[in-house]
Amino acid sequence: MRRWKVLVSLRFGRSNRASNNRHAALGRYIVIDRRTDFDRLVAANRILAHEDVVDAFGHVSLRHPDNPHRYVMSRSRAPELVEFDDLMEFDLDGAVINDQGQTPYGERFIHGAIFEQREEIMAVVHNHAYDVIPFGLTGTPLVPVIHTAATIGEEIPVWDIRDKFGDATDMLVRNMDQGRDLSETLGENSCALMRGHGAVIACKSLKEAVVTSIYLKINARILTTAMAMGTPIQLSSGEIESMSATQLSPLAMDRMWEAFCRRAGLEVT
């Protein structure tokens, strides 16, 4: 069956001509169902900002739905300001596809390296959530203690850029060598911490990546409070497995996504 290519107007009030130009910049005309995927990526940026997972810094990416060797993320911009026209397309090495003169994120190599090494991963978040950072500094493990954070996984490794790249970097992931080293530390886990920097979250869907990022931060805050009161009880392996299945069910995921969209003042995508 022939697949019709449909132009759609931008939600942000731009003309069809502007839409046409922007769609071409993403490498092809966007079919109506794919437009929803990219609208959701814009929403993900806004949600993570509203939930204080990201501030002026941090970013989220989506593996290209039609080309697994490419991914899409915003140009270098604060996540709460991201709009559809900010989206850029990259190959897995971080090279810009159809360069339109926009400035990309300097740390896009985090995303490309994870997409390169983990074929099942569809979305990546990098953030500097302040509740999370202390666990990458102190040797205190960040473990799941609340049921809604089961998807962060039983183990969250810590990556230290200093170990391989010395003590004179700016601690940013500036190239694929650094990105691949981080990805190796992440391994098969969904989350990894970056010493003195933040965290990376890699998941099988964009919604899952957003939700996991939010509850990683909440879990870190609750764990910090619990440690001040006594000895926290970590979720068991069985609890993590069972609760993750519940949390990732379409019913739960759609409920959370709707709530987070509405809280951020967005239409539900």
C-alpha atoms as a PDB file:
ATOM      1  CA  MET A   1       0.000   0.000   0.000  1.00  0.00           C
ATOM      2  CA  ARG A   2       1.306   3.425  -0.886  1.00  0.00           C
ATOM      3  CA  ARG A   3       2.228   5.534   2.111  1.00  0.00           C
ATOM      4  CA  TRP A   4       1.017   9.103   1.642  1.00  0.00           C
ATOM      5  CA  LYS A   5       3.265  11.898   2.859  1.00  0.00           C
ATOM      6  CA  VAL A   6       1.208  14.463   4.721  1.00  0.00           C
ATOM      7  CA  LEU A   7       2.233  17.959   5.746  1.00  0.00           C
ATOM      8  CA  VAL A   8       0.818  19.120   9.070  1.00  0.00           C
ATOM      9  CA  SER A   9       0.692  22.619  10.558  1.00  0.00           C
ATOM     10  CA  LEU A  10       2.955  23.339  13.479  1.00  0.00           C
ATOM     11  CA  ARG A  11       1.267  23.517  16.855  1.00  0.00           C
ATOM     12  CA  PHE A  12       3.215  26.673  17.601  1.00  0.00           C
ATOM     13  CA  GLY A  13       1.394  28.777  15.015  1.00  0.00           C
ATOM     14  CA  ARG A  14       3.770  28.638  12.062  1.00  0.00           C
ATOM     15  CA  SER A  15       2.638  28.516   8.467  1.00  0.00           C
ATOM     16  CA  ASN A  16       2.578  25.447   6.237  1.00  0.00           C
ATOM     17  CA  ARG A  17       5.530  26.941   4.356  1.00  0.00           C
ATOM     18  CA  ALA A  18       7.539  27.046   7.581  1.00  0.00           C
ATOM     19  CA  SER A  19       6.434  23.507   8.314  1.00  0.00           C
ATOM     20  CA  ASN A  20       7.532  22.377   4.875  1.00  0.00           C
ATOM     21  CA  ASN A  21      10.992  23.863   5.346  1.00  0.00           C
ATOM     22  CA  ARG A  22      11.425  22.360   8.790  1.00  0.00           C
ATOM     23  CA  HIS A  23      10.271  18.924   7.710  1.00  0.00           C
ATOM     24  CA  ALA A  24      12.825  18.988   4.907  1.00  0.00           C
ATOM     25  CA  ALA A  25      15.483  19.932   7.438  1.00  0.00           C
ATOM     26  CA  LEU A  26      14.740  16.718   9.324  1.00  0.00           C
ATOM     27  CA  GLY A  27      15.684  14.820   6.193  1.00  0.00           C
ATOM     28  CA  ARG A  28      12.269  14.037   4.705  1.00  0.00           C
ATOM     29  CA  TYR A  29       8.635  15.032   4.859  1.00  0.00           C
ATOM     30  CA  ILE A  30       7.199  13.838   8.135  1.00  0.00           C
ATOM     31  CA  VAL A  31       4.254  11.518   7.891  1.00  0.00           C
ATOM     32  CA  ILE A  32       1.390  12.278  10.228  1.00  0.00           C
ATOM     33  CA  ASP A  33       2.157   9.407  12.650  1.00  0.00           C
ATOM     34  CA  ARG A  34       5.816  10.382  12.839  1.00  0.00           C
ATOM     35  CA  ARG A  35       4.870  13.980  13.565  1.00  0.00           C
ATOM     36  CA  THR A  36       3.285  12.657  16.753  1.00  0.00           C
ATOM     37  CA  ASP A  37       6.575  10.997  17.715  1.00  0.00           C
ATOM     38  CA  PHE A  38       8.437  14.282  17.378  1.00  0.00           C
ATOM     39  CA  ASP A  39       5.698  16.280  19.123  1.00  0.00           C
ATOM     40  CA  ARG A  40       6.128  13.849  21.996  1.00  0.00           C
ATOM     41  CA  LEU A  41       9.870  14.573  22.025  1.00  0.00           C
ATOM     42  CA  VAL A  42       9.118  18.279  22.392  1.00  0.00           C
ATOM     43  CA  ALA A  43       6.701  17.455  25.213  1.00  0.00           C
ATOM     44  CA  ALA A  44       9.362  15.325  26.908  1.00  0.00           C
ATOM     45  CA  ASN A  45      11.692  18.331  27.079  1.00  0.00           C
ATOM     46  CA  ARG A  46       8.975  20.512  28.594  1.00  0.00           C
ATOM     47  CA  ILE A  47       7.875  17.864  31.102  1.00  0.00           C
ATOM     48  CA  LEU A  48      11.394  17.190  32.360  1.00  0.00           C
ATOM     49  CA  ALA A  49      11.913  20.923  32.844  1.00  0.00           C
ATOM     50  CA  HIS A  50       8.612  21.347  34.684  1.00  0.00           C
ATOM     51  CA  GLU A  51       9.452  18.450  37.000  1.00  0.00           C
ATOM     52  CA  ASP A  52      12.888  19.984  37.778  1.00  0.00           C
ATOM     53  CA  VAL A  53      14.745  17.041  36.303  1.00  0.00           C
ATOM     54  CA  VAL A  54      16.522  19.433  33.927  1.00  0.00           C
ATOM     55  CA  ASP A  55      17.102  23.163  34.212  1.00  0.00           C
ATOM     56  CA  ALA A  56      18.903  25.314  31.636  1.00  0.00           C
ATOM     57  CA  PHE A  57      20.993  22.230  30.907  1.00  0.00           C
ATOM     58  CA  GLY A  58      20.183  18.619  30.107  1.00  0.00           C
ATOM     59  CA  HIS A  59      18.645  17.002  27.050  1.00  0.00           C
ATOM     60  CA  VAL A  60      16.520  14.152  25.758  1.00  0.00           C
ATOM     61  CA  SER A  61      16.745  12.242  22.483  1.00  0.00           C
ATOM     62  CA  LEU A  62      14.674   9.805  20.450  1.00  0.00           C
ATOM     63  CA  ARG A  63      16.049   7.154  18.139  1.00  0.00           C
ATOM     64  CA  HIS A  64      14.658   7.932  14.695  1.00  0.00           C
ATOM     65  CA  PRO A  65      11.478   5.843  14.316  1.00  0.00           C
ATOM     66  CA  ASP A  66      12.255   5.067  10.656  1.00  0.00           C
ATOM     67  CA  ASN A  67      16.060   4.832  10.763  1.00  0.00           C
ATOM     68  CA  PRO A  68      17.723   3.130  13.751  1.00  0.00           C
ATOM     69  CA  HIS A  69      21.093   4.579  12.726  1.00  0.00           C
ATOM     70  CA  ARG A  70      19.931   8.124  13.431  1.00  0.00           C
ATOM     71  CA  TYR A  71      18.435   9.998  16.344  1.00  0.00           C
ATOM     72  CA  VAL A  72      16.595  13.275  16.917  1.00  0.00           C
ATOM     73  CA  MET A  73      17.044  15.868  19.648  1.00  0.00           C
ATOM     74  CA  SER A  74      16.754  19.616  20.066  1.00  0.00           C
ATOM     75  CA  ARG A  75      19.361  22.146  19.084  1.00  0.00           C
ATOM     76  CA  SER A  76      21.360  23.524  22.009  1.00  0.00           C
ATOM     77  CA  ARG A  77      18.593  25.144  24.003  1.00  0.00           C
ATOM     78  CA  ALA A  78      17.130  25.028  27.514  1.00  0.00           C
ATOM     79  CA  PRO A  79      14.623  22.128  27.528  1.00  0.00           C
ATOM     80  CA  GLU A  80      11.712  24.225  28.818  1.00  0.00           C
ATOM     81  CA  LEU A  81      11.980  26.385  25.672  1.00  0.00           C
ATOM     82  CA  VAL A  82      12.224  23.601  23.075  1.00  0.00           C
ATOM     83  CA  GLU A  83       9.805  23.750  20.147  1.00  0.00           C
ATOM     84  CA  PHE A  84       9.324  21.586  17.087  1.00  0.00           C
ATOM     85  CA  ASP A  85      11.524  23.790  14.910  1.00  0.00           C
ATOM     86  CA  ASP A  86      14.439  23.194  17.287  1.00  0.00           C
ATOM     87  CA  LEU A  87      14.643  19.481  16.477  1.00  0.00           C
ATOM     88  CA  MET A  88      17.743  18.231  14.671  1.00  0.00           C
ATOM     89  CA  GLU A  89      18.674  14.855  13.223  1.00  0.00           C
ATOM     90  CA  PHE A  90      22.041  13.132  13.767  1.00  0.00           C
ATOM     91  CA  ASP A  91      23.833   9.973  12.773  1.00  0.00           C
ATOM     92  CA  LEU A  92      25.103   7.788  15.601  1.00  0.00           C
ATOM     93  CA  ASP A  93      28.513   9.504  15.549  1.00  0.00           C
ATOM     94  CA  GLY A  94      26.832  12.846  16.275  1.00  0.00           C
ATOM     95  CA  ALA A  95      27.168  14.325  12.781  1.00  0.00           C
ATOM     96  CA  VAL A  96      24.310  16.638  11.833  1.00  0.00           C
ATOM     97  CA  ILE A  97      22.027  15.466   9.019  1.00  0.00           C
ATOM     98  CA  ASN A  98      20.970  18.266   6.648  1.00  0.00           C
ATOM     99  CA  ASP A  99      22.793  20.996   8.552  1.00  0.00           C
ATOM    100  CA  GLN A 100      20.649  24.147   8.737  1.00  0.00           C
ATOM    101  CA  GLY A 101      23.143  26.164  10.764  1.00  0.00           C
ATOM    102  CA  GLN A 102      21.685  25.364  14.177  1.00  0.00           C
ATOM    103  CA  THR A 103      24.056  24.735  17.086  1.00  0.00           C
ATOM    104  CA  PRO A 104      23.801  21.173  18.453  1.00  0.00           C
ATOM    105  CA  TYR A 105      24.277  20.109  22.048  1.00  0.00           C
ATOM    106  CA  GLY A 106      27.953  19.570  22.786  1.00  0.00           C
ATOM    107  CA  GLU A 107      27.147  16.392  24.723  1.00  0.00           C
ATOM    108  CA  ARG A 108      25.068  14.696  22.022  1.00  0.00           C
ATOM    109  CA  PHE A 109      27.715  11.952  22.009  1.00  0.00           C
ATOM    110  CA  ILE A 110      26.139  10.564  25.180  1.00  0.00           C
ATOM    111  CA  HIS A 111      23.068   9.732  23.141  1.00  0.00           C
ATOM    112  CA  GLY A 112      24.789   8.473  20.004  1.00  0.00           C
ATOM    113  CA  ALA A 113      27.072   6.121  21.930  1.00  0.00           C
ATOM    114  CA  ILE A 114      24.183   4.562  23.847  1.00  0.00           C
ATOM    115  CA  PHE A 115      22.068   4.149  20.704  1.00  0.00           C
ATOM    116  CA  GLU A 116      25.108   2.594  19.025  1.00  0.00           C
ATOM    117  CA  GLN A 117      25.735   0.037  21.767  1.00  0.00           C
ATOM    118  CA  ARG A 118      22.154  -0.707  22.838  1.00  0.00           C
ATOM    119  CA  GLU A 119      19.925  -1.542  19.870  1.00  0.00           C
ATOM    120  CA  GLU A 120      16.836  -1.902  22.055  1.00  0.00           C
ATOM    121  CA  ILE A 121      17.111   1.629  23.441  1.00  0.00           C
ATOM    122  CA  MET A 122      14.745   4.166  21.868  1.00  0.00           C
ATOM    123  CA  ALA A 123      15.214   7.209  24.130  1.00  0.00           C
ATOM    124  CA  VAL A 124      17.970   8.716  26.261  1.00  0.00           C
ATOM    125  CA  VAL A 125      17.833  11.455  28.903  1.00  0.00           C
ATOM    126  CA  HIS A 126      20.822  13.294  30.359  1.00  0.00           C
ATOM    127  CA  ASN A 127      20.145  15.484  33.373  1.00  0.00           C
ATOM    128  CA  HIS A 128      21.772  17.282  36.287  1.00  0.00           C
ATOM    129  CA  ALA A 129      19.038  16.557  38.858  1.00  0.00           C
ATOM    130  CA  TYR A 130      20.421  17.930  42.110  1.00  0.00           C
ATOM    131  CA  ASP A 131      18.852  15.270  44.342  1.00  0.00           C
ATOM    132  CA  VAL A 132      20.697  12.604  42.346  1.00  0.00           C
ATOM    133  CA  ILE A 133      24.198  14.101  42.091  1.00  0.00           C
ATOM    134  CA  PRO A 134      25.327  13.443  45.714  1.00  0.00           C
ATOM    135  CA  PHE A 135      25.079   9.689  45.138  1.00  0.00           C
ATOM    136  CA  GLY A 136      27.726   9.962  42.433  1.00  0.00           C
ATOM    137  CA  LEU A 137      30.092  11.768  44.813  1.00  0.00           C
ATOM    138  CA  THR A 138      30.014   9.843  48.052  1.00  0.00           C
ATOM    139  CA  GLY A 139      30.134   6.140  47.340  1.00  0.00           C
ATOM    140  CA  THR A 140      26.619   5.813  48.751  1.00  0.00           C
ATOM    141  CA  PRO A 141      24.638   3.634  46.320  1.00  0.00           C
ATOM    142  CA  LEU A 142      21.484   5.067  44.792  1.00  0.00           C
ATOM    143  CA  VAL A 143      19.092   2.140  45.187  1.00  0.00           C
ATOM    144  CA  PRO A 144      15.335   1.861  44.578  1.00  0.00           C
ATOM    145  CA  VAL A 145      13.313   2.216  47.778  1.00  0.00           C
ATOM    146  CA  ILE A 146       9.896   3.336  46.499  1.00  0.00           C
ATOM    147  CA  HIS A 147       7.640   1.230  44.307  1.00  0.00           C
ATOM    148  CA  THR A 148       7.215   3.889  41.618  1.00  0.00           C
ATOM    149  CA  ALA A 149      10.988   3.936  41.106  1.00  0.00           C
ATOM    150  CA  ALA A 150      11.351   0.232  40.359  1.00  0.00           C
ATOM    151  CA  THR A 151      12.257   0.982  36.739  1.00  0.00           C
ATOM    152  CA  ILE A 152      15.505   2.679  37.770  1.00  0.00           C
ATOM    153  CA  GLY A 153      16.819  -0.842  38.300  1.00  0.00           C
ATOM    154  CA  GLU A 154      18.546  -2.722  41.073  1.00  0.00           C
ATOM    155  CA  GLU A 155      22.005  -1.356  40.264  1.00  0.00           C
ATOM    156  CA  ILE A 156      23.003   2.158  39.227  1.00  0.00           C
ATOM    157  CA  PRO A 157      26.711   2.352  38.354  1.00  0.00           C
ATOM    158  CA  VAL A 158      28.784   5.519  38.634  1.00  0.00           C
ATOM    159  CA  TRP A 159      30.931   6.769  35.744  1.00  0.00           C
ATOM    160  CA  ASP A 160      33.896   9.021  36.478  1.00  0.00           C
ATOM    161  CA  ILE A 161      35.340  10.759  33.426  1.00  0.00           C
ATOM    162  CA  ARG A 162      38.599  11.207  35.335  1.00  0.00           C
ATOM    163  CA  ASP A 163      39.304   7.473  35.373  1.00  0.00           C
ATOM    164  CA  LYS A 164      40.095   7.296  31.657  1.00  0.00           C
ATOM    165  CA  PHE A 165      40.365  10.884  30.464  1.00  0.00           C
ATOM    166  CA  GLY A 166      42.344  12.515  33.252  1.00  0.00           C
ATOM    167  CA  ASP A 167      41.777  15.336  35.717  1.00  0.00           C
ATOM    168  CA  ALA A 168      41.835  18.285  33.294  1.00  0.00           C
ATOM    169  CA  THR A 169      38.545  17.815  31.385  1.00  0.00           C
ATOM    170  CA  ASP A 170      35.544  20.111  31.813  1.00  0.00           C
ATOM    171  CA  MET A 171      33.638  16.922  32.777  1.00  0.00           C
ATOM    172  CA  LEU A 172      31.436  17.180  29.687  1.00  0.00           C
ATOM    173  CA  VAL A 173      31.100  14.302  27.220  1.00  0.00           C
ATOM    174  CA  ARG A 174      32.691  15.993  24.215  1.00  0.00           C
ATOM    175  CA  ASN A 175      33.329  13.088  21.822  1.00  0.00           C
ATOM    176  CA  MET A 176      32.403   9.511  20.974  1.00  0.00           C
ATOM    177  CA  ASP A 177      35.313   8.018  22.916  1.00  0.00           C
ATOM    178  CA  GLN A 178      33.959   9.559  26.090  1.00  0.00           C
ATOM    179  CA  GLY A 179      30.385   8.675  25.147  1.00  0.00           C
ATOM    180  CA  ARG A 180      31.297   5.038  24.533  1.00  0.00           C
ATOM    181  CA  ASP A 181      33.149   4.839  27.832  1.00  0.00           C
ATOM    182  CA  LEU A 182      30.062   6.147  29.631  1.00  0.00           C
ATOM    183  CA  SER A 183      27.874   3.693  27.721  1.00  0.00           C
ATOM    184  CA  GLU A 184      30.114   0.817  28.796  1.00  0.00           C
ATOM    185  CA  THR A 185      29.657   1.824  32.426  1.00  0.00           C
ATOM    186  CA  LEU A 186      25.897   2.006  31.894  1.00  0.00           C
ATOM    187  CA  GLY A 187      26.021  -1.538  30.545  1.00  0.00           C
ATOM    188  CA  GLU A 188      22.595  -3.190  30.465  1.00  0.00           C
ATOM    189  CA  ASN A 189      21.238  -0.925  33.206  1.00  0.00           C
ATOM    190  CA  SER A 190      18.621   1.761  32.674  1.00  0.00           C
ATOM    191  CA  CYS A 191      20.468   4.423  34.679  1.00  0.00           C
ATOM    192  CA  ALA A 192      24.016   5.502  35.425  1.00  0.00           C
ATOM    193  CA  LEU A 193      25.374   8.385  37.473  1.00  0.00           C
ATOM    194  CA  MET A 194      28.140  10.704  36.311  1.00  0.00           C
ATOM    195  CA  ARG A 195      30.456  11.820  39.102  1.00  0.00           C
ATOM    196  CA  GLY A 196      29.907  15.480  39.962  1.00  0.00           C
ATOM    197  CA  HIS A 197      27.799  15.921  36.852  1.00  0.00           C
ATOM    198  CA  GLY A 198      24.439  14.165  36.709  1.00  0.00           C
ATOM    199  CA  ALA A 199      22.832  11.061  35.313  1.00  0.00           C
ATOM    200  CA  VAL A 200      21.956   9.270  32.105  1.00  0.00           C
ATOM    201  CA  ILE A 201      18.766   7.275  31.608  1.00  0.00           C
ATOM    202  CA  ALA A 202      18.271   4.886  28.676  1.00  0.00           C
ATOM    203  CA  CYS A 203      14.931   3.205  28.007  1.00  0.00           C
ATOM    204  CA  LYS A 204      12.913   1.347  25.394  1.00  0.00           C
ATOM    205  CA  SER A 205      10.448   4.193  24.859  1.00  0.00           C
ATOM    206  CA  LEU A 206      10.359   7.953  25.250  1.00  0.00           C
ATOM    207  CA  LYS A 207       7.587   7.827  27.833  1.00  0.00           C
ATOM    208  CA  GLU A 208       9.522   5.270  29.862  1.00  0.00           C
ATOM    209  CA  ALA A 209      12.668   7.423  29.769  1.00  0.00           C
ATOM    210  CA  VAL A 210      10.770  10.484  30.985  1.00  0.00           C
ATOM    211  CA  VAL A 211       8.954   8.641  33.769  1.00  0.00           C
ATOM    212  CA  THR A 212      12.111   6.830  34.904  1.00  0.00           C
ATOM    213  CA  SER A 213      14.020  10.128  35.000  1.00  0.00           C
ATOM    214  CA  ILE A 214      11.343  11.740  37.148  1.00  0.00           C
ATOM    215  CA  TYR A 215      11.126   8.892  39.634  1.00  0.00           C
ATOM    216  CA  LEU A 216      14.918   8.544  39.787  1.00  0.00           C
ATOM    217  CA  LYS A 217      14.988  12.073  41.191  1.00  0.00           C
ATOM    218  CA  ILE A 218      12.086  11.457  43.572  1.00  0.00           C
ATOM    219  CA  ASN A 219      13.625   8.201  44.787  1.00  0.00           C
ATOM    220  CA  ALA A 220      16.945   9.971  45.451  1.00  0.00           C
ATOM    221  CA  ARG A 221      15.212  12.616  47.543  1.00  0.00           C
ATOM    222  CA  ILE A 222      13.243  10.063  49.573  1.00  0.00           C
ATOM    223  CA  LEU A 223      16.312   7.870  50.045  1.00  0.00           C
ATOM    224  CA  THR A 224      18.285  10.850  51.369  1.00  0.00           C
ATOM    225  CA  THR A 225      15.510  11.599  53.866  1.00  0.00           C
ATOM    226  CA  ALA A 226      15.237   7.954  54.888  1.00  0.00           C
ATOM    227  CA  MET A 227      18.994   7.649  55.497  1.00  0.00           C
ATOM    228  CA  ALA A 228      18.805  10.591  57.901  1.00  0.00           C
ATOM    229  CA  MET A 229      16.136   8.738  59.868  1.00  0.00           C
ATOM    230  CA  GLY A 230      17.587   5.239  59.880  1.00  0.00           C
ATOM    231  CA  THR A 231      18.441   2.362  57.568  1.00  0.00           C
ATOM    232  CA  PRO A 232      16.314   2.350  54.386  1.00  0.00           C
ATOM    233  CA  ILE A 233      14.853  -0.913  53.087  1.00  0.00           C
ATOM    234  CA  GLN A 234      15.752  -1.481  49.443  1.00  0.00           C
ATOM    235  CA  LEU A 235      13.267  -3.012  47.008  1.00  0.00           C
ATOM    236  CA  SER A 236      13.942  -6.704  46.463  1.00  0.00           C
ATOM    237  CA  SER A 237      14.731  -8.159  43.035  1.00  0.00           C
ATOM    238  CA  GLY A 238      11.258  -9.670  42.926  1.00  0.00           C
ATOM    239  CA  GLU A 239       9.599  -6.392  43.858  1.00  0.00           C
ATOM    240  CA  ILE A 240      11.600  -4.566  41.203  1.00  0.00           C
ATOM    241  CA  GLU A 241      10.569  -7.064  38.539  1.00  0.00           C
ATOM    242  CA  SER A 242       6.885  -7.098  39.500  1.00  0.00           C
ATOM    243  CA  MET A 243       6.545  -3.359  39.994  1.00  0.00           C
ATOM    244  CA  SER A 244       8.426  -2.566  36.787  1.00  0.00           C
ATOM    245  CA  ALA A 245       5.908  -4.667  34.862  1.00  0.00           C
ATOM    246  CA  THR A 246       3.079  -2.732  36.503  1.00  0.00           C
ATOM    247  CA  GLN A 247       4.737   0.650  35.982  1.00  0.00           C
ATOM    248  CA  LEU A 248       5.467  -0.043  32.311  1.00  0.00           C
ATOM    249  CA  SER A 249       1.989  -1.312  31.464  1.00  0.00           C
ATOM    250  CA  PRO A 250       0.125   0.800  28.886  1.00  0.00           C
ATOM    251  CA  LEU A 251      -2.511   1.718  31.481  1.00  0.00           C
ATOM    252  CA  ALA A 252       0.010   3.055  33.997  1.00  0.00           C
ATOM    253  CA  MET A 253       2.241   4.667  31.392  1.00  0.00           C
ATOM    254  CA  ASP A 254      -0.621   6.523  29.706  1.00  0.00           C
ATOM    255  CA  ARG A 255      -1.932   7.669  33.093  1.00  0.00           C
ATOM    256  CA  MET A 256       1.443   9.086  34.099  1.00  0.00           C
ATOM    257  CA  TRP A 257       2.077  10.660  30.690  1.00  0.00           C
ATOM    258  CA  GLU A 258      -1.302  12.389  30.714  1.00  0.00           C
ATOM    259  CA  ALA A 259      -0.692  13.725  34.218  1.00  0.00           C
ATOM    260  CA  PHE A 260       2.791  15.008  33.440  1.00  0.00           C
ATOM    261  CA  CYS A 261       1.628  16.624  30.186  1.00  0.00           C
ATOM    262  CA  ARG A 262      -1.212  18.418  31.973  1.00  0.00           C
ATOM    263  CA  ARG A 263       1.040  19.522  34.839  1.00  0.00           C
ATOM    264  CA  ALA A 264       3.369  21.093  32.286  1.00  0.00           C
ATOM    265  CA  GLY A 265       0.467  22.835  30.548  1.00  0.00           C
ATOM    266  CA  LEU A 266       0.718  20.676  27.420  1.00  0.00           C
ATOM    267  CA  GLU A 267      -1.730  18.881  25.207  1.00  0.00           C
ATOM    268  CA  VAL A 268      -1.489  15.123  25.637  1.00  0.00           C
ATOM    269  CA  THR A 269       0.526  13.779  22.701  1.00  0.00           C
END
